[in-house]
Amino acid sequence: MAEAATFSTKDIRPWLERETNSLFTPIHAKAQKLAEEMRKWLENLLEISKTLLDNSQKEIEKRNMRTYGRARAMNKLARLFLERLRQTKVPEKITYDSYNDFVQETQKVFVAIDVDVRNWFPRVSPFFILDRRKFQVIFEKNKEILREQSNFLTKEYVKVKTLEQTYQVIERVQSFEQQLTNLKVRKSNSEQEKAQIETAVARAQQRIAAMKSQGSLGELFLINGEIEGLSAEVKQSLQHLQKPFVKLQSLATHGEGSGLTPDELSKLNQYIDDPFMAFAADESGYPSLKHVLQKLDHVMKEGKLKLKPEKTRKAEQVIENILRSDTLSNLHDKSMKVVARKKQLSISVEVIDTERELSKLKEELDTLERRKRMLEGELSSLERACDETSDRIKFHKTEIEKNANDFMNRRIHVE
């Protein structure tokens, strides 16, 4: 078996044209000639239809009772002819498919006109006899040419149908190849922009990390970390009091003899909502907490607080340790100092300026990351488009190879 000849999509059409010129050119030339002849006779049919319309309109306007009814029928029929014929247009670009569609549609129109001519022309006799005869002569000529074209399509033009369709496939492939080139350029540009953004994001993140770790702002971040640790200690130290605190709050809210003053109730609410800040904000020796605990101890001993025995025991132990042994003294000193230092740093000019710069930098970083996500979406879409376009190109190249083999019995490969 002979080795398949290889062609690019740019070279395959010139080669096909050289190999098939002796068959394709005469047939296509005849198709063009028949199309022009059909166009001319359709125009003649349109003109005579307009004449029927104009002449019947003139008779209608005369209001002659003898001709009025037939003139109206002729006028209506002429309008119908014009409406149908204006829908039949010879294609500008002649291909087998476009011309076959035209012939099929025109045949349907002519069948409808033929029926109307047989049914209505006798009814308008003997009026408009010359116009009707001229219409019928031109109409018969149109039908004759249409039959000739139908025969040409089925017996001659069909021979090069596959070849002509192959030319159309080649045009589609070339169009898809250009699309693929454009998609790859866009993909490359997006990848370059993404790489630039990733570099900018890395630089911004490094600057943010450096700003957070240096100077007063760096110290502030360390203090925040220290506060988190102390906050966990405070929460752990007071964990067995949280349930009793909530019960005591309920007693105070409903006026059931909690013994709490408004200030003490306010402090209790703070200890429930944010134990660390309530503890750190208390004065040295945390007297506010001790006052609340004293009231809590009192209502517990009076049995006003409904708690499980184990919870009561643990709560009493914590109260005892705080009120009698002052077990939270060191933790309170640390908490007060770290909160005071944070407050001092937070209002410093250096921290304020640095935080302003940091905020601006974070906004820039957010903008960069949003753009990066958009580019990632675009790249994903472009990747899919490239794959789909490549698949179409591959499919159509295979179609060209198959058509060449069917039409010319020649094995070719389109690269």
Protein backbone atom coordinates (compact mmCIF):
# COMPACT_ATOMS: atom_id res chain seq x y z
CA MET A 1 0.00 0.00 0.00
CA ALA A 2 1.36 3.42 -1.00
CA GLU A 3 2.44 5.71 1.80
CA ALA A 4 -0.03 8.49 2.58
CA ALA A 5 0.95 11.95 1.31
CA THR A 6 1.21 14.55 4.08
CA PHE A 7 -0.21 18.07 3.77
CA SER A 8 -0.62 21.06 6.02
CA THR A 9 -4.06 22.68 6.24
CA LYS A 10 -2.60 25.53 4.19
CA ASP A 11 -1.46 23.28 1.33
CA ILE A 12 -4.27 20.72 1.16
CA ARG A 13 -6.78 22.85 -0.75
CA PRO A 14 -4.41 23.92 -3.59
CA TRP A 15 -3.45 20.25 -4.01
CA LEU A 16 -7.10 19.12 -4.10
CA GLU A 17 -7.95 21.85 -6.62
CA ARG A 18 -5.10 20.77 -8.92
CA GLU A 19 -6.07 17.12 -8.67
CA THR A 20 -9.81 17.66 -9.25
CA ASN A 21 -9.87 20.77 -11.43
CA SER A 22 -10.93 18.95 -14.59
CA LEU A 23 -14.08 17.65 -12.90
CA PHE A 24 -14.97 20.34 -10.37
CA THR A 25 -14.52 23.51 -12.43
CA PRO A 26 -16.95 22.66 -15.29
CA ILE A 27 -19.63 21.45 -12.88
CA HIS A 28 -19.33 24.47 -10.63
CA ALA A 29 -19.33 26.80 -13.64
CA LYS A 30 -22.56 25.19 -14.86
CA ALA A 31 -24.09 25.59 -11.39
CA GLN A 32 -23.25 29.31 -11.47
CA LYS A 33 -24.75 29.67 -14.97
CA LEU A 34 -27.98 27.92 -14.00
CA ALA A 35 -28.22 30.01 -10.85
CA GLU A 36 -27.93 33.24 -12.84
CA GLU A 37 -30.56 32.04 -15.29
CA MET A 38 -32.87 31.13 -12.41
CA ARG A 39 -32.31 34.53 -10.82
CA LYS A 40 -33.22 36.31 -14.09
CA TRP A 41 -36.46 34.36 -14.60
CA LEU A 42 -37.50 34.75 -10.97
CA GLU A 43 -37.09 38.50 -11.41
CA ASN A 44 -39.32 38.30 -14.53
CA LEU A 45 -41.91 36.38 -12.51
CA LEU A 46 -41.79 39.02 -9.79
CA GLU A 47 -42.28 41.78 -12.37
CA ILE A 48 -45.32 40.19 -13.98
CA SER A 49 -46.76 39.55 -10.51
CA LYS A 50 -46.36 43.27 -9.78
CA THR A 51 -48.12 44.02 -13.08
CA LEU A 52 -51.04 41.79 -12.03
CA LEU A 53 -51.15 43.63 -8.73
CA ASP A 54 -51.06 47.11 -10.29
CA ASN A 55 -53.62 46.39 -13.00
CA SER A 56 -56.04 44.71 -10.62
CA GLN A 57 -55.70 47.65 -8.24
CA LYS A 58 -56.60 50.05 -11.05
CA GLU A 59 -59.74 48.03 -11.81
CA ILE A 60 -60.70 48.00 -8.12
CA GLU A 61 -60.42 51.80 -8.02
CA LYS A 62 -62.80 52.13 -10.98
CA ARG A 63 -65.58 50.62 -8.87
CA ASN A 64 -67.01 48.87 -11.88
CA MET A 65 -69.46 46.33 -10.47
CA ARG A 66 -68.91 44.07 -13.46
CA THR A 67 -65.16 43.65 -12.79
CA TYR A 68 -64.86 44.59 -9.11
CA GLY A 69 -65.12 41.07 -7.60
CA ARG A 70 -62.69 39.50 -10.07
CA ALA A 71 -60.28 42.42 -9.70
CA ARG A 72 -60.20 41.96 -5.93
CA ALA A 73 -59.56 38.22 -6.33
CA MET A 74 -56.74 38.94 -8.80
CA ASN A 75 -55.27 41.58 -6.49
CA LYS A 76 -55.27 39.22 -3.53
CA LEU A 77 -53.73 36.45 -5.63
CA ALA A 78 -50.98 38.75 -6.97
CA ARG A 79 -50.09 39.82 -3.43
CA LEU A 80 -49.82 36.19 -2.44
CA PHE A 81 -47.54 35.47 -5.44
CA LEU A 82 -45.26 38.37 -4.50
CA GLU A 83 -45.09 37.36 -0.86
CA ARG A 84 -44.06 33.81 -1.76
CA LEU A 85 -41.61 34.74 -4.51
CA ARG A 86 -39.79 37.26 -2.33
CA GLN A 87 -38.90 34.39 -0.02
CA THR A 88 -37.14 32.52 -2.84
CA LYS A 89 -33.69 34.01 -3.25
CA VAL A 90 -30.88 32.44 -5.23
CA PRO A 91 -27.89 32.11 -2.87
CA GLU A 92 -25.02 34.51 -3.50
CA LYS A 93 -22.44 31.82 -2.78
CA ILE A 94 -23.24 28.70 -4.76
CA THR A 95 -22.53 25.42 -3.01
CA TYR A 96 -24.24 22.08 -3.35
CA ASP A 97 -25.95 22.45 0.03
CA SER A 98 -27.04 26.08 -0.43
CA TYR A 99 -28.30 25.46 -3.96
CA ASN A 100 -30.07 22.23 -3.02
CA ASP A 101 -31.86 24.07 -0.20
CA PHE A 102 -32.88 26.81 -2.64
CA VAL A 103 -34.24 24.31 -5.18
CA GLN A 104 -36.22 22.45 -2.50
CA GLU A 105 -37.78 25.63 -1.12
CA THR A 106 -38.53 27.03 -4.59
CA GLN A 107 -40.24 23.77 -5.60
CA LYS A 108 -42.57 24.13 -2.60
CA VAL A 109 -43.37 27.73 -3.58
CA PHE A 110 -44.03 26.77 -7.21
CA VAL A 111 -46.34 23.91 -6.18
CA ALA A 112 -48.40 26.36 -4.10
CA ILE A 113 -48.50 28.91 -6.95
CA ASP A 114 -49.45 26.19 -9.44
CA VAL A 115 -52.43 25.20 -7.29
CA ASP A 116 -53.59 28.83 -7.01
CA VAL A 117 -53.21 29.40 -10.76
CA ARG A 118 -55.38 26.36 -11.57
CA ASN A 119 -58.00 27.25 -9.00
CA TRP A 120 -58.25 31.03 -9.40
CA PHE A 121 -57.22 32.07 -12.90
CA PRO A 122 -60.37 30.55 -14.44
CA ARG A 123 -62.49 32.49 -11.92
CA VAL A 124 -61.22 35.87 -13.07
CA SER A 125 -61.83 35.13 -16.78
CA PRO A 126 -62.12 36.80 -19.17
CA PHE A 127 -60.47 39.77 -17.42
CA PHE A 128 -56.67 40.34 -17.21
CA ILE A 129 -56.28 37.73 -19.94
CA LEU A 130 -53.04 39.15 -21.42
CA ASP A 131 -51.39 39.60 -18.03
CA ARG A 132 -52.44 36.11 -16.96
CA ARG A 133 -51.09 34.55 -20.16
CA LYS A 134 -47.79 36.37 -19.75
CA PHE A 135 -47.61 35.24 -16.10
CA GLN A 136 -48.26 31.63 -17.10
CA VAL A 137 -45.63 31.71 -19.85
CA ILE A 138 -43.00 33.08 -17.47
CA PHE A 139 -44.09 30.75 -14.69
CA GLU A 140 -43.81 27.71 -16.96
CA LYS A 141 -40.32 28.83 -17.97
CA ASN A 142 -39.37 29.11 -14.30
CA LYS A 143 -40.67 25.60 -13.65
CA GLU A 144 -38.75 24.27 -16.65
CA ILE A 145 -35.47 25.84 -15.44
CA LEU A 146 -36.11 24.60 -11.90
CA ARG A 147 -36.59 21.03 -13.20
CA GLU A 148 -33.35 21.35 -15.13
CA GLN A 149 -31.55 22.48 -12.00
CA SER A 150 -33.06 19.67 -9.94
CA ASN A 151 -31.84 17.14 -12.49
CA PHE A 152 -28.42 18.82 -12.54
CA LEU A 153 -28.17 18.60 -8.77
CA THR A 154 -29.06 14.91 -8.58
CA LYS A 155 -27.08 13.74 -11.63
CA GLU A 156 -24.06 16.01 -11.96
CA TYR A 157 -23.49 18.38 -9.03
CA VAL A 158 -23.80 15.53 -6.53
CA LYS A 159 -20.57 14.08 -7.98
CA VAL A 160 -18.52 16.90 -6.45
CA LYS A 161 -20.64 17.34 -3.33
CA THR A 162 -18.09 15.57 -1.13
CA LEU A 163 -15.24 17.60 -2.60
CA GLU A 164 -17.08 20.87 -2.11
CA GLN A 165 -17.93 19.93 1.47
CA THR A 166 -14.25 19.10 1.98
CA TYR A 167 -13.33 22.63 0.94
CA GLN A 168 -15.79 23.94 3.53
CA VAL A 169 -14.26 21.65 6.18
CA ILE A 170 -10.78 22.96 5.27
CA GLU A 171 -12.04 26.53 5.82
CA ARG A 172 -13.45 25.52 9.20
CA VAL A 173 -10.16 23.88 10.20
CA GLN A 174 -8.19 26.97 9.23
CA SER A 175 -10.63 29.12 11.21
CA PHE A 176 -10.29 26.82 14.25
CA GLU A 177 -6.49 26.88 13.92
CA GLN A 178 -6.56 30.68 14.02
CA GLN A 179 -8.86 30.53 17.04
CA LEU A 180 -6.46 28.11 18.74
CA THR A 181 -3.53 30.42 18.04
CA ASN A 182 -5.44 33.35 19.54
CA LEU A 183 -6.45 31.27 22.56
CA LYS A 184 -2.85 30.22 23.17
CA VAL A 185 -1.69 33.84 22.98
CA ARG A 186 -4.35 34.86 25.50
CA LYS A 187 -3.41 31.89 27.71
CA SER A 188 0.27 32.83 27.57
CA ASN A 189 -0.51 36.46 28.43
CA SER A 190 -2.69 35.38 31.35
CA GLU A 191 0.01 33.00 32.61
CA GLN A 192 2.59 35.80 32.49
CA GLU A 193 0.26 38.16 34.34
CA LYS A 194 -0.48 35.47 36.92
CA ALA A 195 3.26 34.90 37.47
CA GLN A 196 3.79 38.65 37.93
CA ILE A 197 0.90 38.81 40.42
CA GLU A 198 2.23 35.80 42.34
CA THR A 199 5.58 37.59 42.64
CA ALA A 200 3.82 40.76 43.84
CA VAL A 201 1.74 38.72 46.34
CA ALA A 202 4.88 37.06 47.73
CA ARG A 203 6.58 40.45 48.12
CA ALA A 204 3.49 41.91 49.85
CA GLN A 205 3.26 38.94 52.20
CA GLN A 206 6.95 39.27 53.06
CA ARG A 207 6.50 42.98 53.80
CA ILE A 208 3.46 42.28 55.99
CA ALA A 209 5.34 39.57 57.89
CA ALA A 210 8.32 41.89 58.38
CA MET A 211 6.10 44.74 59.62
CA LYS A 212 4.36 42.42 62.07
CA SER A 213 7.63 41.11 63.48
CA GLN A 214 9.60 44.37 63.80
CA GLY A 215 9.41 47.52 65.96
CA SER A 216 6.50 48.47 68.16
CA LEU A 217 3.99 46.71 65.93
CA GLY A 218 6.02 43.52 66.20
CA GLU A 219 5.98 43.90 69.98
CA LEU A 220 2.22 44.49 69.81
CA PHE A 221 1.72 41.23 67.92
CA LEU A 222 3.82 39.43 70.53
CA ILE A 223 1.70 40.97 73.28
CA ASN A 224 -1.47 39.82 71.52
CA GLY A 225 -0.06 36.33 71.53
CA GLU A 226 0.74 36.68 75.24
CA ILE A 227 -2.81 37.91 75.86
CA GLU A 228 -4.20 34.82 74.16
CA GLY A 229 -2.18 32.65 76.53
CA LEU A 230 -3.21 34.61 79.62
CA SER A 231 -6.82 34.62 78.45
CA ALA A 232 -6.73 30.83 78.30
CA GLU A 233 -5.29 30.74 81.86
CA VAL A 234 -8.01 33.04 83.19
CA LYS A 235 -10.71 30.99 81.49
CA GLN A 236 -9.22 27.80 82.91
CA SER A 237 -9.00 29.30 86.41
CA LEU A 238 -12.62 30.44 86.36
CA GLN A 239 -14.14 27.57 84.39
CA HIS A 240 -15.98 26.06 87.40
CA LEU A 241 -17.56 29.46 88.10
CA GLN A 242 -19.13 30.01 84.70
CA LYS A 243 -22.27 27.98 85.41
CA PRO A 244 -22.76 29.53 88.87
CA PHE A 245 -22.16 33.00 87.36
CA VAL A 246 -24.95 32.42 84.83
CA LYS A 247 -27.28 31.19 87.60
CA LEU A 248 -26.42 34.24 89.72
CA GLN A 249 -27.03 36.53 86.76
CA SER A 250 -30.47 34.99 86.32
CA LEU A 251 -31.29 35.56 90.00
CA ALA A 252 -30.21 39.21 89.76
CA THR A 253 -32.11 39.77 86.52
CA HIS A 254 -35.34 38.42 87.99
CA GLY A 255 -34.88 40.20 91.33
CA GLU A 256 -34.76 36.98 93.37
CA GLY A 257 -32.34 38.06 96.10
CA SER A 258 -28.89 37.81 94.55
CA GLY A 259 -27.62 40.64 96.75
CA LEU A 260 -25.68 42.15 93.83
CA THR A 261 -25.43 45.92 93.42
CA PRO A 262 -25.86 47.33 89.86
CA ASP A 263 -22.05 47.75 89.59
CA GLU A 264 -21.48 44.19 90.74
CA LEU A 265 -24.08 42.89 88.27
CA SER A 266 -22.34 44.83 85.51
CA LYS A 267 -19.02 43.25 86.51
CA LEU A 268 -20.62 39.82 86.63
CA ASN A 269 -21.91 40.30 83.07
CA GLN A 270 -18.37 41.19 81.96
CA TYR A 271 -16.94 38.04 83.57
CA ILE A 272 -19.52 35.95 81.72
CA ASP A 273 -18.93 37.64 78.33
CA ASP A 274 -15.14 38.20 78.42
CA PRO A 275 -13.45 36.78 81.53
CA PHE A 276 -9.95 37.97 80.66
CA MET A 277 -10.80 41.63 79.97
CA ALA A 278 -13.04 41.76 83.06
CA PHE A 279 -10.21 40.29 85.17
CA ALA A 280 -7.48 42.54 83.67
CA ALA A 281 -9.62 45.66 84.09
CA ASP A 282 -10.19 44.96 87.80
CA GLU A 283 -8.16 46.94 90.31
CA SER A 284 -5.15 45.50 92.12
CA GLY A 285 -6.28 42.65 94.29
CA TYR A 286 -9.31 42.24 91.95
CA PRO A 287 -11.84 43.52 94.54
CA SER A 288 -14.76 43.53 92.10
CA LEU A 289 -14.33 39.81 91.46
CA LYS A 290 -14.05 39.13 95.17
CA HIS A 291 -17.25 41.05 95.91
CA VAL A 292 -19.11 39.03 93.29
CA LEU A 293 -17.67 35.79 94.66
CA GLN A 294 -18.70 36.70 98.17
CA LYS A 295 -22.29 37.25 97.01
CA LEU A 296 -22.13 34.02 95.03
CA ASP A 297 -20.86 32.10 98.04
CA HIS A 298 -23.66 33.54 100.15
CA VAL A 299 -26.52 32.57 97.82
CA MET A 300 -25.01 29.12 97.32
CA LYS A 301 -24.98 28.52 101.06
CA GLU A 302 -28.57 29.74 101.27
CA GLY A 303 -29.50 27.17 98.64
CA LYS A 304 -30.81 29.72 96.17
CA LEU A 305 -28.54 28.42 93.41
CA LYS A 306 -29.62 25.07 92.00
CA LEU A 307 -26.44 23.22 91.04
CA LYS A 308 -25.40 19.57 90.99
CA PRO A 309 -23.39 18.59 94.08
CA GLU A 310 -20.17 18.08 92.13
CA LYS A 311 -20.47 21.48 90.43
CA THR A 312 -21.24 23.08 93.80
CA ARG A 313 -18.17 21.46 95.36
CA LYS A 314 -15.84 22.61 92.58
CA ALA A 315 -17.27 26.16 92.61
CA GLU A 316 -16.85 26.39 96.40
CA GLN A 317 -13.25 25.21 96.12
CA VAL A 318 -12.42 27.89 93.51
CA ILE A 319 -14.12 30.58 95.62
CA GLU A 320 -12.18 29.44 98.67
CA ASN A 321 -8.87 29.54 96.80
CA ILE A 322 -9.49 33.04 95.40
CA LEU A 323 -10.91 34.64 98.54
CA ARG A 324 -8.70 32.99 101.12
CA SER A 325 -5.49 32.07 99.31
CA ASP A 326 -5.40 34.82 96.68
CA THR A 327 -4.37 32.25 94.05
CA LEU A 328 -4.94 34.62 91.11
CA SER A 329 -2.58 37.34 92.31
CA ASN A 330 0.32 36.61 89.92
CA LEU A 331 -2.02 36.00 86.98
CA HIS A 332 -3.78 39.31 87.69
CA ASP A 333 -0.49 41.25 87.82
CA LYS A 334 0.59 39.78 84.47
CA SER A 335 -2.80 40.49 82.91
CA MET A 336 -2.87 44.11 84.09
CA LYS A 337 0.66 44.78 82.86
CA VAL A 338 0.19 43.21 79.42
CA VAL A 339 -3.10 45.06 78.81
CA ALA A 340 -1.52 48.34 79.92
CA ARG A 341 1.45 47.75 77.60
CA LYS A 342 -0.89 46.93 74.72
CA LYS A 343 -2.83 50.13 75.32
CA GLN A 344 0.39 52.14 75.44
CA LEU A 345 1.68 50.62 72.20
CA SER A 346 -1.69 50.92 70.43
CA ILE A 347 -1.73 54.70 70.77
CA SER A 348 1.91 55.21 69.83
CA VAL A 349 2.60 57.18 66.64
CA GLU A 350 4.83 54.42 65.31
CA VAL A 351 2.15 51.76 65.67
CA ILE A 352 -0.60 53.99 64.26
CA ASP A 353 1.51 54.85 61.19
CA THR A 354 2.61 51.25 60.74
CA GLU A 355 -0.95 49.91 61.08
CA ARG A 356 -2.15 52.46 58.53
CA GLU A 357 0.56 51.29 56.12
CA LEU A 358 -0.22 47.68 56.95
CA SER A 359 -3.93 48.23 56.25
CA LYS A 360 -3.12 49.76 52.89
CA LEU A 361 -0.78 46.90 52.09
CA LYS A 362 -3.47 44.35 53.00
CA GLU A 363 -5.92 46.09 50.67
CA GLU A 364 -3.35 45.87 47.87
CA LEU A 365 -2.81 42.22 48.71
CA ASP A 366 -6.58 41.53 48.62
CA THR A 367 -6.78 43.22 45.20
CA LEU A 368 -3.87 41.14 43.91
CA GLU A 369 -5.37 37.90 45.22
CA ARG A 370 -8.78 38.71 43.69
CA ARG A 371 -7.10 39.33 40.34
CA LYS A 372 -5.14 36.11 40.74
CA ARG A 373 -8.37 34.14 41.34
CA MET A 374 -9.94 35.76 38.27
CA LEU A 375 -6.90 34.82 36.19
CA GLU A 376 -7.05 31.25 37.46
CA GLY A 377 -10.68 31.11 36.35
CA GLU A 378 -9.77 32.60 32.96
CA LEU A 379 -6.89 30.15 32.55
CA SER A 380 -9.17 27.23 33.37
CA SER A 381 -11.68 28.43 30.74
CA LEU A 382 -8.93 29.04 28.17
CA GLU A 383 -7.48 25.58 28.83
CA ARG A 384 -10.89 23.99 28.19
CA ALA A 385 -11.37 26.14 25.07
CA CYS A 386 -7.93 25.10 23.76
CA ASP A 387 -8.72 21.41 24.35
CA GLU A 388 -12.16 21.70 22.70
CA THR A 389 -10.75 23.59 19.70
CA SER A 390 -7.90 21.07 19.34
CA ASP A 391 -10.47 18.24 19.36
CA ARG A 392 -12.50 20.00 16.63
CA ILE A 393 -9.37 20.47 14.51
CA LYS A 394 -8.44 16.81 14.93
CA PHE A 395 -11.98 15.69 14.05
CA HIS A 396 -12.13 17.83 10.88
CA LYS A 397 -8.65 16.77 9.74
CA THR A 398 -9.80 13.16 9.98
CA GLU A 399 -12.90 14.13 7.99
CA ILE A 400 -10.74 15.68 5.23
CA GLU A 401 -8.60 12.54 5.05
CA LYS A 402 -11.70 10.32 4.81
CA ASN A 403 -13.33 12.50 2.13
CA ALA A 404 -10.17 12.47 0.00
CA ASN A 405 -10.04 8.70 0.24
CA ASP A 406 -13.75 8.35 -0.65
CA PHE A 407 -13.68 10.86 -3.51
CA MET A 408 -10.24 10.22 -5.05
CA ASN A 409 -9.29 6.84 -3.59
CA ARG A 410 -6.10 8.51 -2.32
CA ARG A 411 -4.64 8.14 1.17
CA ILE A 412 -3.51 11.45 2.64
CA HIS A 413 -2.53 12.75 6.05
CA VAL A 414 -3.33 16.29 7.21
CA GLU A 415 -0.86 17.42 9.86
